[in-house]
Amino acid sequence: NIACEQAHSEEDLGNAFAGGGQSLQAEPTPGAGCSTYGANYTSTTRSQQNFVIEVEGSNGETTFVWTGDLWQQAPDGLKAHDGQFWVPLEFGGNGTIERVMHVDSFQLDVK
């Protein structure tokens, strides 16, 4: 999974399951998510991937945007108000997808 990494501390693991400053009262679905790589893996985006969007830029270049659902992040606690996390994918020299990391903002110049 391009959005998982090994946690460096118990605090990292705890932060992966905290939303809106509150601890989650649930665990990931067995066999799904970052925990499939081991108990000490955590999400780099605190979201669950749902889609990759292909965006054609005004310069003719294509950008692929990774999107994920943020869980238990709404300030009012309502599921319908949970947001999404979007980030452009980056590719290594050999064409592999680089690890998805959190960014606060980014810009796309779309056609």
PDB file of N, CA and C in Angstrom:
ATOM      1  N   ASN A   1       0.846  -1.178   0.000  1.00  0.00           N
ATOM      2  CA  ASN A   1       0.000   0.000   0.000  1.00  0.00           C
ATOM      3  C   ASN A   1       0.888   1.236   0.000  1.00  0.00           C
ATOM      4  N   ILE A   2       0.653   2.133  -0.911  1.00  0.00           N
ATOM      5  CA  ILE A   2       1.503   3.319  -1.044  1.00  0.00           C
ATOM      6  C   ILE A   2       1.217   4.374   0.010  1.00  0.00           C
ATOM      7  N   ALA A   3       0.219   4.136   0.887  1.00  0.00           N
ATOM      8  CA  ALA A   3      -0.099   5.096   1.942  1.00  0.00           C
ATOM      9  C   ALA A   3       0.117   4.500   3.331  1.00  0.00           C
ATOM     10  N   CYS A   4       0.981   3.487   3.433  1.00  0.00           N
ATOM     11  CA  CYS A   4       1.299   2.871   4.726  1.00  0.00           C
ATOM     12  C   CYS A   4       2.789   2.988   4.981  1.00  0.00           C
ATOM     13  N   GLU A   5       3.143   3.120   6.243  1.00  0.00           N
ATOM     14  CA  GLU A   5       4.545   3.101   6.625  1.00  0.00           C
ATOM     15  C   GLU A   5       4.666   2.503   8.011  1.00  0.00           C
ATOM     16  N   GLN A   6       5.848   2.042   8.331  1.00  0.00           N
ATOM     17  CA  GLN A   6       6.086   1.469   9.640  1.00  0.00           C
ATOM     18  C   GLN A   6       6.116   2.604  10.663  1.00  0.00           C
ATOM     19  N   ALA A   7       5.362   2.435  11.748  1.00  0.00           N
ATOM     20  CA  ALA A   7       5.333   3.443  12.806  1.00  0.00           C
ATOM     21  C   ALA A   7       6.690   3.467  13.513  1.00  0.00           C
ATOM     22  N   HIS A   8       7.094   4.657  13.932  1.00  0.00           N
ATOM     23  CA  HIS A   8       8.374   4.806  14.608  1.00  0.00           C
ATOM     24  C   HIS A   8       8.233   4.722  16.125  1.00  0.00           C
ATOM     25  N   SER A   9       6.986   4.865  16.605  1.00  0.00           N
ATOM     26  CA  SER A   9       6.767   4.825  18.049  1.00  0.00           C
ATOM     27  C   SER A   9       5.323   4.428  18.331  1.00  0.00           C
ATOM     28  N   GLU A  10       5.047   4.124  19.588  1.00  0.00           N
ATOM     29  CA  GLU A  10       3.670   3.817  20.009  1.00  0.00           C
ATOM     30  C   GLU A  10       2.774   5.037  19.794  1.00  0.00           C
ATOM     31  N   GLU A  11       3.341   6.237  19.916  1.00  0.00           N
ATOM     32  CA  GLU A  11       2.570   7.461  19.701  1.00  0.00           C
ATOM     33  C   GLU A  11       2.107   7.552  18.247  1.00  0.00           C
ATOM     34  N   ASP A  12       2.988   7.179  17.297  1.00  0.00           N
ATOM     35  CA  ASP A  12       2.601   7.171  15.880  1.00  0.00           C
ATOM     36  C   ASP A  12       1.406   6.263  15.657  1.00  0.00           C
ATOM     37  N   LEU A  13       1.437   5.068  16.270  1.00  0.00           N
ATOM     38  CA  LEU A  13       0.318   4.135  16.114  1.00  0.00           C
ATOM     39  C   LEU A  13      -0.944   4.713  16.710  1.00  0.00           C
ATOM     40  N   GLY A  14      -0.836   5.336  17.874  1.00  0.00           N
ATOM     41  CA  GLY A  14      -2.007   5.945  18.509  1.00  0.00           C
ATOM     42  C   GLY A  14      -2.586   7.067  17.676  1.00  0.00           C
ATOM     43  N   ASN A  15      -1.726   7.881  17.066  1.00  0.00           N
ATOM     44  CA  ASN A  15      -2.195   8.998  16.240  1.00  0.00           C
ATOM     45  C   ASN A  15      -2.932   8.520  15.002  1.00  0.00           C
ATOM     46  N   ALA A  16      -2.593   7.349  14.501  1.00  0.00           N
ATOM     47  CA  ALA A  16      -3.257   6.820  13.305  1.00  0.00           C
ATOM     48  C   ALA A  16      -4.715   6.508  13.574  1.00  0.00           C
ATOM     49  N   PHE A  17      -5.040   6.226  14.836  1.00  0.00           N
ATOM     50  CA  PHE A  17      -6.410   5.859  15.180  1.00  0.00           C
ATOM     51  C   PHE A  17      -7.107   6.939  15.988  1.00  0.00           C
ATOM     52  N   ALA A  18      -6.620   8.160  15.918  1.00  0.00           N
ATOM     53  CA  ALA A  18      -7.263   9.274  16.614  1.00  0.00           C
ATOM     54  C   ALA A  18      -7.849  10.216  15.582  1.00  0.00           C
ATOM     55  N   GLY A  19      -9.073  10.591  15.765  1.00  0.00           N
ATOM     56  CA  GLY A  19      -9.718  11.497  14.818  1.00  0.00           C
ATOM     57  C   GLY A  19     -10.300  12.688  15.531  1.00  0.00           C
ATOM     58  N   GLY A  20     -10.015  13.883  15.040  1.00  0.00           N
ATOM     59  CA  GLY A  20     -10.568  15.088  15.643  1.00  0.00           C
ATOM     60  C   GLY A  20     -10.216  15.221  17.115  1.00  0.00           C
ATOM     61  N   GLY A  21      -9.033  14.699  17.502  1.00  0.00           N
ATOM     62  CA  GLY A  21      -8.623  14.799  18.885  1.00  0.00           C
ATOM     63  C   GLY A  21      -9.260  13.757  19.786  1.00  0.00           C
ATOM     64  N   GLN A  22     -10.062  12.867  19.212  1.00  0.00           N
ATOM     65  CA  GLN A  22     -10.718  11.831  20.001  1.00  0.00           C
ATOM     66  C   GLN A  22     -10.201  10.475  19.553  1.00  0.00           C
ATOM     67  N   SER A  23     -10.076   9.566  20.499  1.00  0.00           N
ATOM     68  CA  SER A  23      -9.644   8.212  20.170  1.00  0.00           C
ATOM     69  C   SER A  23     -10.799   7.454  19.522  1.00  0.00           C
ATOM     70  N   LEU A  24     -10.488   6.676  18.484  1.00  0.00           N
ATOM     71  CA  LEU A  24     -11.520   5.871  17.842  1.00  0.00           C
ATOM     72  C   LEU A  24     -11.936   4.741  18.758  1.00  0.00           C
ATOM     73  N   GLN A  25     -13.180   4.353  18.686  1.00  0.00           N
ATOM     74  CA  GLN A  25     -13.698   3.256  19.481  1.00  0.00           C
ATOM     75  C   GLN A  25     -13.835   2.000  18.632  1.00  0.00           C
ATOM     76  N   ALA A  26     -13.058   1.891  17.574  1.00  0.00           N
ATOM     77  CA  ALA A  26     -13.132   0.747  16.676  1.00  0.00           C
ATOM     78  C   ALA A  26     -11.744   0.422  16.166  1.00  0.00           C
ATOM     79  N   GLU A  27     -11.620  -0.743  15.566  1.00  0.00           N
ATOM     80  CA  GLU A  27     -10.362  -1.164  14.972  1.00  0.00           C
ATOM     81  C   GLU A  27     -10.582  -1.390  13.494  1.00  0.00           C
ATOM     82  N   PRO A  28      -9.513  -1.330  12.675  1.00  0.00           N
ATOM     83  CA  PRO A  28      -9.668  -1.580  11.245  1.00  0.00           C
ATOM     84  C   PRO A  28     -10.233  -2.976  10.980  1.00  0.00           C
ATOM     85  N   THR A  29     -10.881  -3.132   9.857  1.00  0.00           N
ATOM     86  CA  THR A  29     -11.404  -4.436   9.462  1.00  0.00           C
ATOM     87  C   THR A  29     -10.246  -5.418   9.347  1.00  0.00           C
ATOM     88  N   PRO A  30     -10.365  -6.605   9.974  1.00  0.00           N
ATOM     89  CA  PRO A  30      -9.277  -7.580   9.864  1.00  0.00           C
ATOM     90  C   PRO A  30      -8.949  -7.888   8.397  1.00  0.00           C
ATOM     91  N   GLY A  31      -7.664  -7.943   8.082  1.00  0.00           N
ATOM     92  CA  GLY A  31      -7.230  -8.245   6.726  1.00  0.00           C
ATOM     93  C   GLY A  31      -7.308  -7.067   5.775  1.00  0.00           C
ATOM     94  N   ALA A  32      -7.564  -5.878   6.293  1.00  0.00           N
ATOM     95  CA  ALA A  32      -7.678  -4.691   5.442  1.00  0.00           C
ATOM     96  C   ALA A  32      -6.816  -3.568   6.007  1.00  0.00           C
ATOM     97  N   GLY A  33      -6.451  -2.634   5.142  1.00  0.00           N
ATOM     98  CA  GLY A  33      -5.718  -1.454   5.572  1.00  0.00           C
ATOM     99  C   GLY A  33      -4.262  -1.738   5.897  1.00  0.00           C
ATOM    100  N   CYS A  34      -3.623  -0.771   6.524  1.00  0.00           N
ATOM    101  CA  CYS A  34      -2.189  -0.856   6.813  1.00  0.00           C
ATOM    102  C   CYS A  34      -1.852  -1.984   7.766  1.00  0.00           C
ATOM    103  N   SER A  35      -2.804  -2.403   8.603  1.00  0.00           N
ATOM    104  CA  SER A  35      -2.516  -3.458   9.580  1.00  0.00           C
ATOM    105  C   SER A  35      -2.195  -4.793   8.918  1.00  0.00           C
ATOM    106  N   THR A  36      -2.516  -4.947   7.632  1.00  0.00           N
ATOM    107  CA  THR A  36      -2.184  -6.204   6.947  1.00  0.00           C
ATOM    108  C   THR A  36      -0.683  -6.373   6.789  1.00  0.00           C
ATOM    109  N   TYR A  37       0.084  -5.283   6.906  1.00  0.00           N
ATOM    110  CA  TYR A  37       1.539  -5.339   6.788  1.00  0.00           C
ATOM    111  C   TYR A  37       2.202  -5.645   8.128  1.00  0.00           C
ATOM    112  N   GLY A  38       1.432  -5.570   9.195  1.00  0.00           N
ATOM    113  CA  GLY A  38       1.943  -5.834  10.538  1.00  0.00           C
ATOM    114  C   GLY A  38       1.316  -4.877  11.526  1.00  0.00           C
ATOM    115  N   ALA A  39       1.377  -5.250  12.778  1.00  0.00           N
ATOM    116  CA  ALA A  39       0.720  -4.468  13.830  1.00  0.00           C
ATOM    117  C   ALA A  39       1.315  -3.079  13.996  1.00  0.00           C
ATOM    118  N   ASN A  40       2.545  -2.877  13.536  1.00  0.00           N
ATOM    119  CA  ASN A  40       3.185  -1.578  13.737  1.00  0.00           C
ATOM    120  C   ASN A  40       3.190  -0.712  12.478  1.00  0.00           C
ATOM    121  N   TYR A  41       2.264  -0.946  11.566  1.00  0.00           N
ATOM    122  CA  TYR A  41       2.141  -0.097  10.372  1.00  0.00           C
ATOM    123  C   TYR A  41       0.989   0.879  10.546  1.00  0.00           C
ATOM    124  N   THR A  42       1.139   2.061   9.977  1.00  0.00           N
ATOM    125  CA  THR A  42       0.146   3.109  10.134  1.00  0.00           C
ATOM    126  C   THR A  42      -0.046   3.855   8.812  1.00  0.00           C
ATOM    127  N   SER A  43      -1.142   4.565   8.690  1.00  0.00           N
ATOM    128  CA  SER A  43      -1.452   5.319   7.476  1.00  0.00           C
ATOM    129  C   SER A  43      -0.669   6.624   7.439  1.00  0.00           C
ATOM    130  N   THR A  44      -0.131   6.968   6.282  1.00  0.00           N
ATOM    131  CA  THR A  44       0.574   8.242   6.123  1.00  0.00           C
ATOM    132  C   THR A  44      -0.408   9.389   5.889  1.00  0.00           C
ATOM    133  N   THR A  45      -1.668   9.060   5.587  1.00  0.00           N
ATOM    134  CA  THR A  45      -2.652  10.092   5.254  1.00  0.00           C
ATOM    135  C   THR A  45      -3.854  10.126   6.201  1.00  0.00           C
ATOM    136  N   ARG A  46      -3.937   9.144   7.099  1.00  0.00           N
ATOM    137  CA  ARG A  46      -5.087   9.005   7.997  1.00  0.00           C
ATOM    138  C   ARG A  46      -6.382   8.953   7.191  1.00  0.00           C
ATOM    139  N   SER A  47      -6.328   8.245   6.059  1.00  0.00           N
ATOM    140  CA  SER A  47      -7.507   8.101   5.212  1.00  0.00           C
ATOM    141  C   SER A  47      -7.466   6.757   4.502  1.00  0.00           C
ATOM    142  N   GLN A  48      -8.605   6.364   3.967  1.00  0.00           N
ATOM    143  CA  GLN A  48      -8.723   5.114   3.227  1.00  0.00           C
ATOM    144  C   GLN A  48      -8.873   5.431   1.754  1.00  0.00           C
ATOM    145  N   GLN A  49      -7.982   4.881   0.927  1.00  0.00           N
ATOM    146  CA  GLN A  49      -8.034   5.172  -0.505  1.00  0.00           C
ATOM    147  C   GLN A  49      -9.391   4.805  -1.075  1.00  0.00           C
ATOM    148  N   ASN A  50      -9.909   5.695  -1.945  1.00  0.00           N
ATOM    149  CA  ASN A  50     -11.156   5.358  -2.625  1.00  0.00           C
ATOM    150  C   ASN A  50     -11.050   5.483  -4.139  1.00  0.00           C
ATOM    151  N   PHE A  51     -10.115   6.284  -4.673  1.00  0.00           N
ATOM    152  CA  PHE A  51     -10.072   6.471  -6.117  1.00  0.00           C
ATOM    153  C   PHE A  51      -8.804   7.218  -6.499  1.00  0.00           C
ATOM    154  N   VAL A  52      -8.374   7.057  -7.732  1.00  0.00           N
ATOM    155  CA  VAL A  52      -7.310   7.873  -8.316  1.00  0.00           C
ATOM    156  C   VAL A  52      -7.922   8.592  -9.508  1.00  0.00           C
ATOM    157  N   ILE A  53      -7.795   9.917  -9.516  1.00  0.00           N
ATOM    158  CA  ILE A  53      -8.379  10.752 -10.565  1.00  0.00           C
ATOM    159  C   ILE A  53      -7.288  11.162 -11.551  1.00  0.00           C
ATOM    160  N   GLU A  54      -7.563  10.999 -12.839  1.00  0.00           N
ATOM    161  CA  GLU A  54      -6.638  11.434 -13.882  1.00  0.00           C
ATOM    162  C   GLU A  54      -7.044  12.835 -14.321  1.00  0.00           C
ATOM    163  N   VAL A  55      -6.118  13.803 -14.187  1.00  0.00           N
ATOM    164  CA  VAL A  55      -6.412  15.201 -14.488  1.00  0.00           C
ATOM    165  C   VAL A  55      -5.478  15.679 -15.593  1.00  0.00           C
ATOM    166  N   GLU A  56      -6.054  16.194 -16.679  1.00  0.00           N
ATOM    167  CA  GLU A  56      -5.242  16.768 -17.749  1.00  0.00           C
ATOM    168  C   GLU A  56      -5.024  18.243 -17.457  1.00  0.00           C
ATOM    169  N   GLY A  57      -3.752  18.630 -17.398  1.00  0.00           N
ATOM    170  CA  GLY A  57      -3.410  20.016 -17.109  1.00  0.00           C
ATOM    171  C   GLY A  57      -3.461  20.886 -18.349  1.00  0.00           C
ATOM    172  N   SER A  58      -3.495  22.193 -18.142  1.00  0.00           N
ATOM    173  CA  SER A  58      -3.550  23.127 -19.267  1.00  0.00           C
ATOM    174  C   SER A  58      -2.289  23.048 -20.121  1.00  0.00           C
ATOM    175  N   ASN A  59      -1.193  22.502 -19.547  1.00  0.00           N
ATOM    176  CA  ASN A  59       0.057  22.353 -20.304  1.00  0.00           C
ATOM    177  C   ASN A  59       0.124  21.014 -21.040  1.00  0.00           C
ATOM    178  N   GLY A  60      -0.956  20.225 -20.962  1.00  0.00           N
ATOM    179  CA  GLY A  60      -1.003  18.936 -21.650  1.00  0.00           C
ATOM    180  C   GLY A  60      -0.474  17.769 -20.833  1.00  0.00           C
ATOM    181  N   GLU A  61       0.131  18.053 -19.686  1.00  0.00           N
ATOM    182  CA  GLU A  61       0.635  16.981 -18.831  1.00  0.00           C
ATOM    183  C   GLU A  61      -0.499  16.406 -17.983  1.00  0.00           C
ATOM    184  N   THR A  62      -0.390  15.138 -17.670  1.00  0.00           N
ATOM    185  CA  THR A  62      -1.408  14.464 -16.865  1.00  0.00           C
ATOM    186  C   THR A  62      -0.922  14.325 -15.437  1.00  0.00           C
ATOM    187  N   THR A  63      -1.797  14.623 -14.489  1.00  0.00           N
ATOM    188  CA  THR A  63      -1.534  14.421 -13.065  1.00  0.00           C
ATOM    189  C   THR A  63      -2.529  13.397 -12.554  1.00  0.00           C
ATOM    190  N   PHE A  64      -2.041  12.467 -11.743  1.00  0.00           N
ATOM    191  CA  PHE A  64      -2.915  11.484 -11.100  1.00  0.00           C
ATOM    192  C   PHE A  64      -3.061  11.892  -9.644  1.00  0.00           C
ATOM    193  N   VAL A  65      -4.299  12.044  -9.191  1.00  0.00           N
ATOM    194  CA  VAL A  65      -4.585  12.508  -7.835  1.00  0.00           C
ATOM    195  C   VAL A  65      -5.142  11.352  -7.014  1.00  0.00           C
ATOM    196  N   TRP A  66      -4.448  11.010  -5.942  1.00  0.00           N
ATOM    197  CA  TRP A  66      -4.875   9.965  -5.007  1.00  0.00           C
ATOM    198  C   TRP A  66      -5.920  10.574  -4.084  1.00  0.00           C
ATOM    199  N   THR A  67      -7.049   9.903  -3.906  1.00  0.00           N
ATOM    200  CA  THR A  67      -8.088  10.415  -3.006  1.00  0.00           C
ATOM    201  C   THR A  67      -8.400   9.376  -1.941  1.00  0.00           C
ATOM    202  N   GLY A  68      -8.685   9.852  -0.750  1.00  0.00           N
ATOM    203  CA  GLY A  68      -9.020   8.956   0.355  1.00  0.00           C
ATOM    204  C   GLY A  68     -10.066   9.567   1.255  1.00  0.00           C
ATOM    205  N   ASP A  69     -10.882   8.700   1.835  1.00  0.00           N
ATOM    206  CA  ASP A  69     -11.905   9.132   2.798  1.00  0.00           C
ATOM    207  C   ASP A  69     -11.269   9.307   4.172  1.00  0.00           C
ATOM    208  N   LEU A  70     -11.494  10.459   4.779  1.00  0.00           N
ATOM    209  CA  LEU A  70     -11.057  10.692   6.151  1.00  0.00           C
ATOM    210  C   LEU A  70     -12.141  10.157   7.080  1.00  0.00           C
ATOM    211  N   TRP A  71     -11.772   9.358   8.030  1.00  0.00           N
ATOM    212  CA  TRP A  71     -12.743   8.760   8.945  1.00  0.00           C
ATOM    213  C   TRP A  71     -12.699   9.462  10.289  1.00  0.00           C
ATOM    214  N   GLN A  72     -13.865   9.739  10.809  1.00  0.00           N
ATOM    215  CA  GLN A  72     -14.034  10.367  12.124  1.00  0.00           C
ATOM    216  C   GLN A  72     -13.193  11.629  12.250  1.00  0.00           C
ATOM    217  N   GLN A  73     -13.279  12.483  11.244  1.00  0.00           N
ATOM    218  CA  GLN A  73     -12.519  13.729  11.234  1.00  0.00           C
ATOM    219  C   GLN A  73     -13.409  14.968  11.354  1.00  0.00           C
ATOM    220  N   ALA A  74     -14.724  14.809  11.175  1.00  0.00           N
ATOM    221  CA  ALA A  74     -15.624  15.961  11.211  1.00  0.00           C
ATOM    222  C   ALA A  74     -15.697  16.524  12.632  1.00  0.00           C
ATOM    223  N   PRO A  75     -15.579  17.843  12.771  1.00  0.00           N
ATOM    224  CA  PRO A  75     -15.640  18.444  14.107  1.00  0.00           C
ATOM    225  C   PRO A  75     -16.939  18.119  14.855  1.00  0.00           C
ATOM    226  N   ASP A  76     -18.033  17.961  14.104  1.00  0.00           N
ATOM    227  CA  ASP A  76     -19.317  17.672  14.767  1.00  0.00           C
ATOM    228  C   ASP A  76     -19.563  16.177  14.943  1.00  0.00           C
ATOM    229  N   GLY A  77     -18.617  15.333  14.468  1.00  0.00           N
ATOM    230  CA  GLY A  77     -18.724  13.898  14.653  1.00  0.00           C
ATOM    231  C   GLY A  77     -19.671  13.175  13.712  1.00  0.00           C
ATOM    232  N   LEU A  78     -20.292  13.898  12.773  1.00  0.00           N
ATOM    233  CA  LEU A  78     -21.227  13.264  11.842  1.00  0.00           C
ATOM    234  C   LEU A  78     -20.479  12.663  10.655  1.00  0.00           C
ATOM    235  N   LYS A  79     -20.754  11.385  10.367  1.00  0.00           N
ATOM    236  CA  LYS A  79     -20.093  10.696   9.254  1.00  0.00           C
ATOM    237  C   LYS A  79     -20.290  11.439   7.936  1.00  0.00           C
ATOM    238  N   ALA A  80     -21.472  11.971   7.715  1.00  0.00           N
ATOM    239  CA  ALA A  80     -21.770  12.677   6.469  1.00  0.00           C
ATOM    240  C   ALA A  80     -20.914  13.940   6.292  1.00  0.00           C
ATOM    241  N   HIS A  81     -20.272  14.403   7.369  1.00  0.00           N
ATOM    242  CA  HIS A  81     -19.453  15.607   7.300  1.00  0.00           C
ATOM    243  C   HIS A  81     -17.955  15.305   7.237  1.00  0.00           C
ATOM    244  N   ASP A  82     -17.601  14.000   7.236  1.00  0.00           N
ATOM    245  CA  ASP A  82     -16.191  13.648   7.109  1.00  0.00           C
ATOM    246  C   ASP A  82     -15.672  14.115   5.753  1.00  0.00           C
ATOM    247  N   GLY A  83     -14.430  14.550   5.740  1.00  0.00           N
ATOM    248  CA  GLY A  83     -13.858  15.084   4.514  1.00  0.00           C
ATOM    249  C   GLY A  83     -13.118  14.039   3.692  1.00  0.00           C
ATOM    250  N   GLN A  84     -12.376  14.534   2.725  1.00  0.00           N
ATOM    251  CA  GLN A  84     -11.550  13.700   1.862  1.00  0.00           C
ATOM    252  C   GLN A  84     -10.134  14.253   1.881  1.00  0.00           C
ATOM    253  N   PHE A  85      -9.192  13.390   1.591  1.00  0.00           N
ATOM    254  CA  PHE A  85      -7.793  13.776   1.459  1.00  0.00           C
ATOM    255  C   PHE A  85      -7.388  13.529   0.016  1.00  0.00           C
ATOM    256  N   TRP A  86      -6.850  14.549  -0.632  1.00  0.00           N
ATOM    257  CA  TRP A  86      -6.393  14.433  -2.020  1.00  0.00           C
ATOM    258  C   TRP A  86      -4.927  14.843  -2.075  1.00  0.00           C
ATOM    259  N   VAL A  87      -4.150  14.134  -2.902  1.00  0.00           N
ATOM    260  CA  VAL A  87      -2.749  14.491  -3.094  1.00  0.00           C
ATOM    261  C   VAL A  87      -2.305  13.976  -4.467  1.00  0.00           C
ATOM    262  N   PRO A  88      -1.529  14.780  -5.212  1.00  0.00           N
ATOM    263  CA  PRO A  88      -1.007  14.291  -6.498  1.00  0.00           C
ATOM    264  C   PRO A  88      -0.025  13.148  -6.270  1.00  0.00           C
ATOM    265  N   LEU A  89      -0.118  12.118  -7.098  1.00  0.00           N
ATOM    266  CA  LEU A  89       0.843  11.023  -7.033  1.00  0.00           C
ATOM    267  C   LEU A  89       2.153  11.464  -7.669  1.00  0.00           C
ATOM    268  N   GLU A  90       3.243  10.969  -7.125  1.00  0.00           N
ATOM    269  CA  GLU A  90       4.555  11.224  -7.696  1.00  0.00           C
ATOM    270  C   GLU A  90       5.154   9.887  -8.109  1.00  0.00           C
ATOM    271  N   PHE A  91       5.918   9.898  -9.191  1.00  0.00           N
ATOM    272  CA  PHE A  91       6.470   8.671  -9.749  1.00  0.00           C
ATOM    273  C   PHE A  91       7.990   8.713  -9.725  1.00  0.00           C
ATOM    274  N   GLY A  92       8.598   7.568  -9.397  1.00  0.00           N
ATOM    275  CA  GLY A  92      10.052   7.445  -9.399  1.00  0.00           C
ATOM    276  C   GLY A  92      10.579   7.352 -10.827  1.00  0.00           C
ATOM    277  N   GLY A  93      11.883   7.402 -10.976  1.00  0.00           N
ATOM    278  CA  GLY A  93      12.523   7.345 -12.279  1.00  0.00           C
ATOM    279  C   GLY A  93      12.195   6.093 -13.068  1.00  0.00           C
ATOM    280  N   ASN A  94      11.900   4.999 -12.374  1.00  0.00           N
ATOM    281  CA  ASN A  94      11.574   3.752 -13.067  1.00  0.00           C
ATOM    282  C   ASN A  94      10.064   3.565 -13.246  1.00  0.00           C
ATOM    283  N   GLY A  95       9.292   4.618 -12.934  1.00  0.00           N
ATOM    284  CA  GLY A  95       7.844   4.572 -13.145  1.00  0.00           C
ATOM    285  C   GLY A  95       7.037   4.069 -11.967  1.00  0.00           C
ATOM    286  N   THR A  96       7.705   3.689 -10.872  1.00  0.00           N
ATOM    287  CA  THR A  96       6.958   3.233  -9.705  1.00  0.00           C
ATOM    288  C   THR A  96       6.333   4.415  -8.972  1.00  0.00           C
ATOM    289  N   ILE A  97       5.224   4.161  -8.313  1.00  0.00           N
ATOM    290  CA  ILE A  97       4.543   5.213  -7.547  1.00  0.00           C
ATOM    291  C   ILE A  97       5.268   5.397  -6.225  1.00  0.00           C
ATOM    292  N   GLU A  98       5.602   6.641  -5.921  1.00  0.00           N
ATOM    293  CA  GLU A  98       6.256   6.969  -4.654  1.00  0.00           C
ATOM    294  C   GLU A  98       5.241   6.881  -3.520  1.00  0.00           C
ATOM    295  N   ARG A  99       5.727   6.750  -2.294  1.00  0.00           N
ATOM    296  CA  ARG A  99       4.853   6.693  -1.118  1.00  0.00           C
ATOM    297  C   ARG A  99       4.017   7.975  -1.024  1.00  0.00           C
ATOM    298  N   VAL A 100       2.747   7.819  -0.745  1.00  0.00           N
ATOM    299  CA  VAL A 100       1.845   8.961  -0.567  1.00  0.00           C
ATOM    300  C   VAL A 100       2.097   9.555   0.813  1.00  0.00           C
ATOM    301  N   MET A 101       2.370  10.835   0.850  1.00  0.00           N
ATOM    302  CA  MET A 101       2.616  11.509   2.125  1.00  0.00           C
ATOM    303  C   MET A 101       1.637  12.665   2.281  1.00  0.00           C
ATOM    304  N   HIS A 102       1.405  13.069   3.502  1.00  0.00           N
ATOM    305  CA  HIS A 102       0.470  14.158   3.782  1.00  0.00           C
ATOM    306  C   HIS A 102       1.028  15.488   3.292  1.00  0.00           C
ATOM    307  N   VAL A 103       0.179  16.286   2.663  1.00  0.00           N
ATOM    308  CA  VAL A 103       0.494  17.674   2.320  1.00  0.00           C
ATOM    309  C   VAL A 103      -0.700  18.515   2.753  1.00  0.00           C
ATOM    310  N   ASP A 104      -0.441  19.742   3.174  1.00  0.00           N
ATOM    311  CA  ASP A 104      -1.526  20.618   3.606  1.00  0.00           C
ATOM    312  C   ASP A 104      -2.329  21.161   2.434  1.00  0.00           C
ATOM    313  N   SER A 105      -1.642  21.404   1.304  1.00  0.00           N
ATOM    314  CA  SER A 105      -2.343  21.946   0.134  1.00  0.00           C
ATOM    315  C   SER A 105      -1.497  21.709  -1.112  1.00  0.00           C
ATOM    316  N   PHE A 106      -2.143  21.793  -2.273  1.00  0.00           N
ATOM    317  CA  PHE A 106      -1.444  21.706  -3.549  1.00  0.00           C
ATOM    318  C   PHE A 106      -2.306  22.415  -4.585  1.00  0.00           C
ATOM    319  N   GLN A 107      -1.722  22.735  -5.742  1.00  0.00           N
ATOM    320  CA  GLN A 107      -2.450  23.410  -6.806  1.00  0.00           C
ATOM    321  C   GLN A 107      -2.388  22.561  -8.071  1.00  0.00           C
ATOM    322  N   LEU A 108      -3.498  22.557  -8.808  1.00  0.00           N
ATOM    323  CA  LEU A 108      -3.561  21.915 -10.131  1.00  0.00           C
ATOM    324  C   LEU A 108      -4.008  22.966 -11.125  1.00  0.00           C
ATOM    325  N   ASP A 109      -3.314  23.049 -12.244  1.00  0.00           N
ATOM    326  CA  ASP A 109      -3.703  23.952 -13.325  1.00  0.00           C
ATOM    327  C   ASP A 109      -4.430  23.076 -14.353  1.00  0.00           C
ATOM    328  N   VAL A 110      -5.758  23.027 -14.280  1.00  0.00           N
ATOM    329  CA  VAL A 110      -6.521  22.112 -15.131  1.00  0.00           C
ATOM    330  C   VAL A 110      -6.948  22.780 -16.424  1.00  0.00           C
ATOM    331  N   LYS A 111      -7.169  21.934 -17.414  1.00  0.00           N
ATOM    332  CA  LYS A 111      -7.562  22.384 -18.734  1.00  0.00           C
ATOM    333  C   LYS A 111      -9.001  22.838 -18.722  1.00  0.00           C
TER     334      LYS A 111
END
